[in-house]
Amino acid sequence: MEENIKEKRSEKEEAREELLQLVLFRLGEEEFGVNILQAREIEKLDQGLTRVPKAPLFVEGVINLRGEIIPIVDLRKRFGLTLPPLGYDSRVIIVEVRGAPVGMLVDAVEEVVRIPVSAVEPPPPITKGVDAQYLAGVAKVGDRLIVLLNLDRALSPEESQELAEAELGDG
């Protein structure tokens, strides 16, 4: 009887637990996620991409999205991953980084999931392929482990400033 009461209590606690909604995407064979609150929209990269002189190597260029100029960052290059060329499933996730829109180029957007906050662990100090400074944690989604990105660290304040200046047009 006492065990049943404890079980019911823990089920109620789980139901009340705060949920985190994530956009899951792929870079090569690895799955990553970002908080959906940071994602504005997901676009196919089917419009022209304008290269920006003197931009960091991981910046593919800028796009004009409904009148707004948005820099496009190739996360594969940013994290130093060597991967095959972009394909049909490649997408740009438009996110907010320090209050400014940035397009994150990924191999594919997989799904949107809700997980309990308790399913997120702190990032390990050594993570395959991605520098730990870019990580917000690791989430357990079913039997998968998803690396969660800290978008505010994906670009340094100096890099964000460089992108803003490049958007305003030196070329």
C-alpha atoms as a PDB file:
ATOM      1  CA  MET A   1       0.000   0.000   0.000  1.00  0.00           C
ATOM      2  CA  GLU A   2       2.750   2.427   0.983  1.00  0.00           C
ATOM      3  CA  GLU A   3       4.673   1.614  -2.215  1.00  0.00           C
ATOM      4  CA  ASN A   4       1.584   2.378  -4.360  1.00  0.00           C
ATOM      5  CA  ILE A   5       1.261   5.796  -2.715  1.00  0.00           C
ATOM      6  CA  LYS A   6       4.948   6.545  -3.390  1.00  0.00           C
ATOM      7  CA  GLU A   7       4.576   5.402  -7.010  1.00  0.00           C
ATOM      8  CA  LYS A   8       1.541   7.640  -7.542  1.00  0.00           C
ATOM      9  CA  ARG A   9       3.368  10.574  -5.979  1.00  0.00           C
ATOM     10  CA  SER A  10       6.393  10.125  -8.240  1.00  0.00           C
ATOM     11  CA  GLU A  11       4.120   9.843 -11.313  1.00  0.00           C
ATOM     12  CA  LYS A  12       2.418  13.116 -10.328  1.00  0.00           C
ATOM     13  CA  GLU A  13       5.792  14.770  -9.747  1.00  0.00           C
ATOM     14  CA  GLU A  14       6.939  13.637 -13.196  1.00  0.00           C
ATOM     15  CA  ALA A  15       3.762  15.029 -14.757  1.00  0.00           C
ATOM     16  CA  ARG A  16       4.400  18.408 -13.103  1.00  0.00           C
ATOM     17  CA  GLU A  17       8.087  18.469 -13.968  1.00  0.00           C
ATOM     18  CA  GLU A  18       9.166  21.267 -16.260  1.00  0.00           C
ATOM     19  CA  LEU A  19       9.575  20.238 -19.880  1.00  0.00           C
ATOM     20  CA  LEU A  20      12.171  21.442 -22.336  1.00  0.00           C
ATOM     21  CA  GLN A  21      11.264  21.585 -26.017  1.00  0.00           C
ATOM     22  CA  LEU A  22      14.154  20.975 -28.410  1.00  0.00           C
ATOM     23  CA  VAL A  23      14.781  21.143 -32.139  1.00  0.00           C
ATOM     24  CA  LEU A  24      16.920  18.109 -33.000  1.00  0.00           C
ATOM     25  CA  PHE A  25      19.216  18.171 -36.024  1.00  0.00           C
ATOM     26  CA  ARG A  26      22.046  16.214 -37.565  1.00  0.00           C
ATOM     27  CA  LEU A  27      25.619  17.142 -38.353  1.00  0.00           C
ATOM     28  CA  GLY A  28      26.962  14.072 -40.127  1.00  0.00           C
ATOM     29  CA  GLU A  29      25.928  11.048 -38.069  1.00  0.00           C
ATOM     30  CA  GLU A  30      25.703  12.963 -34.784  1.00  0.00           C
ATOM     31  CA  GLU A  31      22.492  14.401 -33.339  1.00  0.00           C
ATOM     32  CA  PHE A  32      22.417  17.814 -31.709  1.00  0.00           C
ATOM     33  CA  GLY A  33      19.691  19.955 -30.218  1.00  0.00           C
ATOM     34  CA  VAL A  34      18.850  23.559 -29.418  1.00  0.00           C
ATOM     35  CA  ASN A  35      16.133  24.992 -27.232  1.00  0.00           C
ATOM     36  CA  ILE A  36      13.128  25.750 -29.430  1.00  0.00           C
ATOM     37  CA  LEU A  37      12.776  29.141 -27.733  1.00  0.00           C
ATOM     38  CA  GLN A  38      15.960  30.204 -29.516  1.00  0.00           C
ATOM     39  CA  ALA A  39      14.807  28.929 -32.925  1.00  0.00           C
ATOM     40  CA  ARG A  40      12.770  31.408 -34.941  1.00  0.00           C
ATOM     41  CA  GLU A  41      12.233  29.307 -38.047  1.00  0.00           C
ATOM     42  CA  ILE A  42      13.669  26.561 -40.227  1.00  0.00           C
ATOM     43  CA  GLU A  43      14.402  27.249 -43.888  1.00  0.00           C
ATOM     44  CA  LYS A  44      15.651  25.288 -46.850  1.00  0.00           C
ATOM     45  CA  LEU A  45      18.754  26.919 -48.309  1.00  0.00           C
ATOM     46  CA  ASP A  46      17.289  27.444 -51.761  1.00  0.00           C
ATOM     47  CA  GLN A  47      17.950  31.152 -52.098  1.00  0.00           C
ATOM     48  CA  GLY A  48      21.161  32.813 -53.120  1.00  0.00           C
ATOM     49  CA  LEU A  49      23.931  32.952 -50.578  1.00  0.00           C
ATOM     50  CA  THR A  50      26.180  36.020 -50.808  1.00  0.00           C
ATOM     51  CA  ARG A  51      29.764  35.509 -49.676  1.00  0.00           C
ATOM     52  CA  VAL A  52      31.147  38.072 -47.227  1.00  0.00           C
ATOM     53  CA  PRO A  53      34.762  39.220 -47.632  1.00  0.00           C
ATOM     54  CA  LYS A  54      36.996  38.711 -44.585  1.00  0.00           C
ATOM     55  CA  ALA A  55      34.324  36.715 -42.739  1.00  0.00           C
ATOM     56  CA  PRO A  56      35.453  33.861 -40.476  1.00  0.00           C
ATOM     57  CA  LEU A  57      35.934  30.562 -42.352  1.00  0.00           C
ATOM     58  CA  PHE A  58      32.820  28.996 -40.809  1.00  0.00           C
ATOM     59  CA  VAL A  59      30.593  31.798 -42.144  1.00  0.00           C
ATOM     60  CA  GLU A  60      29.172  30.725 -45.491  1.00  0.00           C
ATOM     61  CA  GLY A  61      27.789  34.175 -46.259  1.00  0.00           C
ATOM     62  CA  VAL A  62      24.512  36.048 -45.831  1.00  0.00           C
ATOM     63  CA  ILE A  63      20.977  35.592 -47.126  1.00  0.00           C
ATOM     64  CA  ASN A  64      18.114  38.016 -47.589  1.00  0.00           C
ATOM     65  CA  LEU A  65      15.171  36.451 -45.771  1.00  0.00           C
ATOM     66  CA  ARG A  66      12.056  38.540 -46.348  1.00  0.00           C
ATOM     67  CA  GLY A  67      14.073  41.760 -46.290  1.00  0.00           C
ATOM     68  CA  GLU A  68      16.270  40.811 -43.327  1.00  0.00           C
ATOM     69  CA  ILE A  69      19.983  40.141 -43.914  1.00  0.00           C
ATOM     70  CA  ILE A  70      21.010  37.043 -41.952  1.00  0.00           C
ATOM     71  CA  PRO A  71      24.535  35.605 -41.657  1.00  0.00           C
ATOM     72  CA  ILE A  72      24.781  31.853 -42.265  1.00  0.00           C
ATOM     73  CA  VAL A  73      27.143  29.840 -40.055  1.00  0.00           C
ATOM     74  CA  ASP A  74      28.102  26.303 -41.103  1.00  0.00           C
ATOM     75  CA  LEU A  75      28.072  24.473 -37.764  1.00  0.00           C
ATOM     76  CA  ARG A  76      30.138  21.649 -39.267  1.00  0.00           C
ATOM     77  CA  LYS A  77      32.965  24.072 -40.008  1.00  0.00           C
ATOM     78  CA  ARG A  78      32.459  25.904 -36.711  1.00  0.00           C
ATOM     79  CA  PHE A  79      33.003  22.690 -34.783  1.00  0.00           C
ATOM     80  CA  GLY A  80      35.846  21.488 -37.010  1.00  0.00           C
ATOM     81  CA  LEU A  81      33.912  18.486 -38.337  1.00  0.00           C
ATOM     82  CA  THR A  82      34.893  17.053 -41.711  1.00  0.00           C
ATOM     83  CA  LEU A  83      31.742  15.985 -43.444  1.00  0.00           C
ATOM     84  CA  PRO A  84      30.456  15.359 -46.961  1.00  0.00           C
ATOM     85  CA  PRO A  85      28.914  18.243 -48.935  1.00  0.00           C
ATOM     86  CA  LEU A  86      25.486  19.542 -47.963  1.00  0.00           C
ATOM     87  CA  GLY A  87      22.574  17.619 -49.431  1.00  0.00           C
ATOM     88  CA  TYR A  88      18.859  17.712 -50.146  1.00  0.00           C
ATOM     89  CA  ASP A  89      17.938  17.547 -46.428  1.00  0.00           C
ATOM     90  CA  SER A  90      20.246  20.434 -45.417  1.00  0.00           C
ATOM     91  CA  ARG A  91      18.457  23.225 -43.589  1.00  0.00           C
ATOM     92  CA  VAL A  92      19.113  26.592 -42.003  1.00  0.00           C
ATOM     93  CA  ILE A  93      17.804  27.048 -38.481  1.00  0.00           C
ATOM     94  CA  ILE A  94      17.304  30.760 -37.862  1.00  0.00           C
ATOM     95  CA  VAL A  95      18.170  31.401 -34.219  1.00  0.00           C
ATOM     96  CA  GLU A  96      18.752  34.354 -31.944  1.00  0.00           C
ATOM     97  CA  VAL A  97      22.337  34.775 -30.723  1.00  0.00           C
ATOM     98  CA  ARG A  98      22.760  37.722 -28.359  1.00  0.00           C
ATOM     99  CA  GLY A  99      19.579  39.261 -29.744  1.00  0.00           C
ATOM    100  CA  ALA A 100      20.616  39.051 -33.407  1.00  0.00           C
ATOM    101  CA  PRO A 101      19.386  36.560 -36.018  1.00  0.00           C
ATOM    102  CA  VAL A 102      21.899  33.978 -37.241  1.00  0.00           C
ATOM    103  CA  GLY A 103      21.298  31.085 -39.612  1.00  0.00           C
ATOM    104  CA  MET A 104      22.827  27.786 -38.488  1.00  0.00           C
ATOM    105  CA  LEU A 105      23.460  25.500 -41.454  1.00  0.00           C
ATOM    106  CA  VAL A 106      22.850  21.819 -40.563  1.00  0.00           C
ATOM    107  CA  ASP A 107      22.701  18.534 -42.502  1.00  0.00           C
ATOM    108  CA  ALA A 108      19.078  17.808 -41.551  1.00  0.00           C
ATOM    109  CA  VAL A 109      16.435  18.808 -39.036  1.00  0.00           C
ATOM    110  CA  GLU A 110      15.150  15.593 -37.477  1.00  0.00           C
ATOM    111  CA  GLU A 111      12.295  16.447 -35.118  1.00  0.00           C
ATOM    112  CA  VAL A 112      10.986  18.587 -32.274  1.00  0.00           C
ATOM    113  CA  VAL A 113      10.789  16.804 -28.918  1.00  0.00           C
ATOM    114  CA  ARG A 114       9.730  17.571 -25.350  1.00  0.00           C
ATOM    115  CA  ILE A 115      11.845  16.156 -22.561  1.00  0.00           C
ATOM    116  CA  PRO A 116      11.880  16.639 -18.803  1.00  0.00           C
ATOM    117  CA  VAL A 117      14.543  19.078 -17.633  1.00  0.00           C
ATOM    118  CA  SER A 118      15.860  16.250 -15.422  1.00  0.00           C
ATOM    119  CA  ALA A 119      16.840  14.340 -18.611  1.00  0.00           C
ATOM    120  CA  VAL A 120      19.590  16.897 -19.274  1.00  0.00           C
ATOM    121  CA  GLU A 121      23.019  16.247 -17.804  1.00  0.00           C
ATOM    122  CA  PRO A 122      25.902  18.738 -17.663  1.00  0.00           C
ATOM    123  CA  PRO A 123      28.253  18.468 -20.642  1.00  0.00           C
ATOM    124  CA  PRO A 124      31.197  16.097 -20.256  1.00  0.00           C
ATOM    125  CA  PRO A 125      34.614  17.787 -20.430  1.00  0.00           C
ATOM    126  CA  ILE A 126      35.529  15.836 -23.569  1.00  0.00           C
ATOM    127  CA  THR A 127      32.894  15.408 -26.252  1.00  0.00           C
ATOM    128  CA  LYS A 128      33.400  13.782 -29.626  1.00  0.00           C
ATOM    129  CA  GLY A 129      33.995  16.400 -32.306  1.00  0.00           C
ATOM    130  CA  VAL A 130      32.702  19.481 -30.485  1.00  0.00           C
ATOM    131  CA  ASP A 131      34.566  21.717 -28.062  1.00  0.00           C
ATOM    132  CA  ALA A 132      32.912  21.586 -24.613  1.00  0.00           C
ATOM    133  CA  GLN A 133      32.570  25.396 -24.517  1.00  0.00           C
ATOM    134  CA  TYR A 134      29.801  25.173 -27.140  1.00  0.00           C
ATOM    135  CA  LEU A 135      27.731  22.703 -25.127  1.00  0.00           C
ATOM    136  CA  ALA A 136      24.777  23.318 -22.827  1.00  0.00           C
ATOM    137  CA  GLY A 137      24.432  19.670 -21.837  1.00  0.00           C
ATOM    138  CA  VAL A 138      23.561  16.183 -22.988  1.00  0.00           C
ATOM    139  CA  ALA A 139      19.924  15.084 -23.121  1.00  0.00           C
ATOM    140  CA  LYS A 140      18.623  11.550 -22.848  1.00  0.00           C
ATOM    141  CA  VAL A 141      15.861  11.094 -25.435  1.00  0.00           C
ATOM    142  CA  GLY A 142      14.667   7.491 -25.314  1.00  0.00           C
ATOM    143  CA  ASP A 143      17.798   5.412 -25.885  1.00  0.00           C
ATOM    144  CA  ARG A 144      19.624   8.287 -27.652  1.00  0.00           C
ATOM    145  CA  LEU A 145      21.982  10.901 -26.280  1.00  0.00           C
ATOM    146  CA  ILE A 146      21.575  14.347 -27.825  1.00  0.00           C
ATOM    147  CA  VAL A 147      24.279  17.006 -27.487  1.00  0.00           C
ATOM    148  CA  LEU A 148      22.633  20.342 -26.623  1.00  0.00           C
ATOM    149  CA  LEU A 149      24.316  23.460 -27.959  1.00  0.00           C
ATOM    150  CA  ASN A 150      24.824  26.727 -26.136  1.00  0.00           C
ATOM    151  CA  LEU A 151      24.162  29.124 -29.022  1.00  0.00           C
ATOM    152  CA  ASP A 152      25.443  32.151 -27.126  1.00  0.00           C
ATOM    153  CA  ARG A 153      28.865  30.489 -27.116  1.00  0.00           C
ATOM    154  CA  ALA A 154      28.732  29.253 -30.719  1.00  0.00           C
ATOM    155  CA  LEU A 155      29.874  32.736 -31.717  1.00  0.00           C
ATOM    156  CA  SER A 156      32.123  34.868 -29.550  1.00  0.00           C
ATOM    157  CA  PRO A 157      31.040  38.483 -28.944  1.00  0.00           C
ATOM    158  CA  GLU A 158      33.846  39.571 -31.303  1.00  0.00           C
ATOM    159  CA  GLU A 159      32.623  37.203 -34.043  1.00  0.00           C
ATOM    160  CA  SER A 160      29.054  38.428 -33.578  1.00  0.00           C
ATOM    161  CA  GLN A 161      30.309  42.003 -33.999  1.00  0.00           C
ATOM    162  CA  GLU A 162      32.280  41.038 -37.145  1.00  0.00           C
ATOM    163  CA  LEU A 163      29.130  39.491 -38.631  1.00  0.00           C
ATOM    164  CA  ALA A 164      27.066  42.575 -37.809  1.00  0.00           C
ATOM    165  CA  GLU A 165      29.641  44.795 -39.514  1.00  0.00           C
ATOM    166  CA  ALA A 166      29.827  42.475 -42.539  1.00  0.00           C
ATOM    167  CA  GLU A 167      26.013  42.541 -42.879  1.00  0.00           C
ATOM    168  CA  LEU A 168      26.014  46.318 -42.975  1.00  0.00           C
ATOM    169  CA  GLY A 169      28.070  46.064 -46.063  1.00  0.00           C
ATOM    170  CA  ASP A 170      31.729  46.362 -46.792  1.00  0.00           C
ATOM    171  CA  GLY A 171      31.054  44.227 -49.826  1.00  0.00           C
END
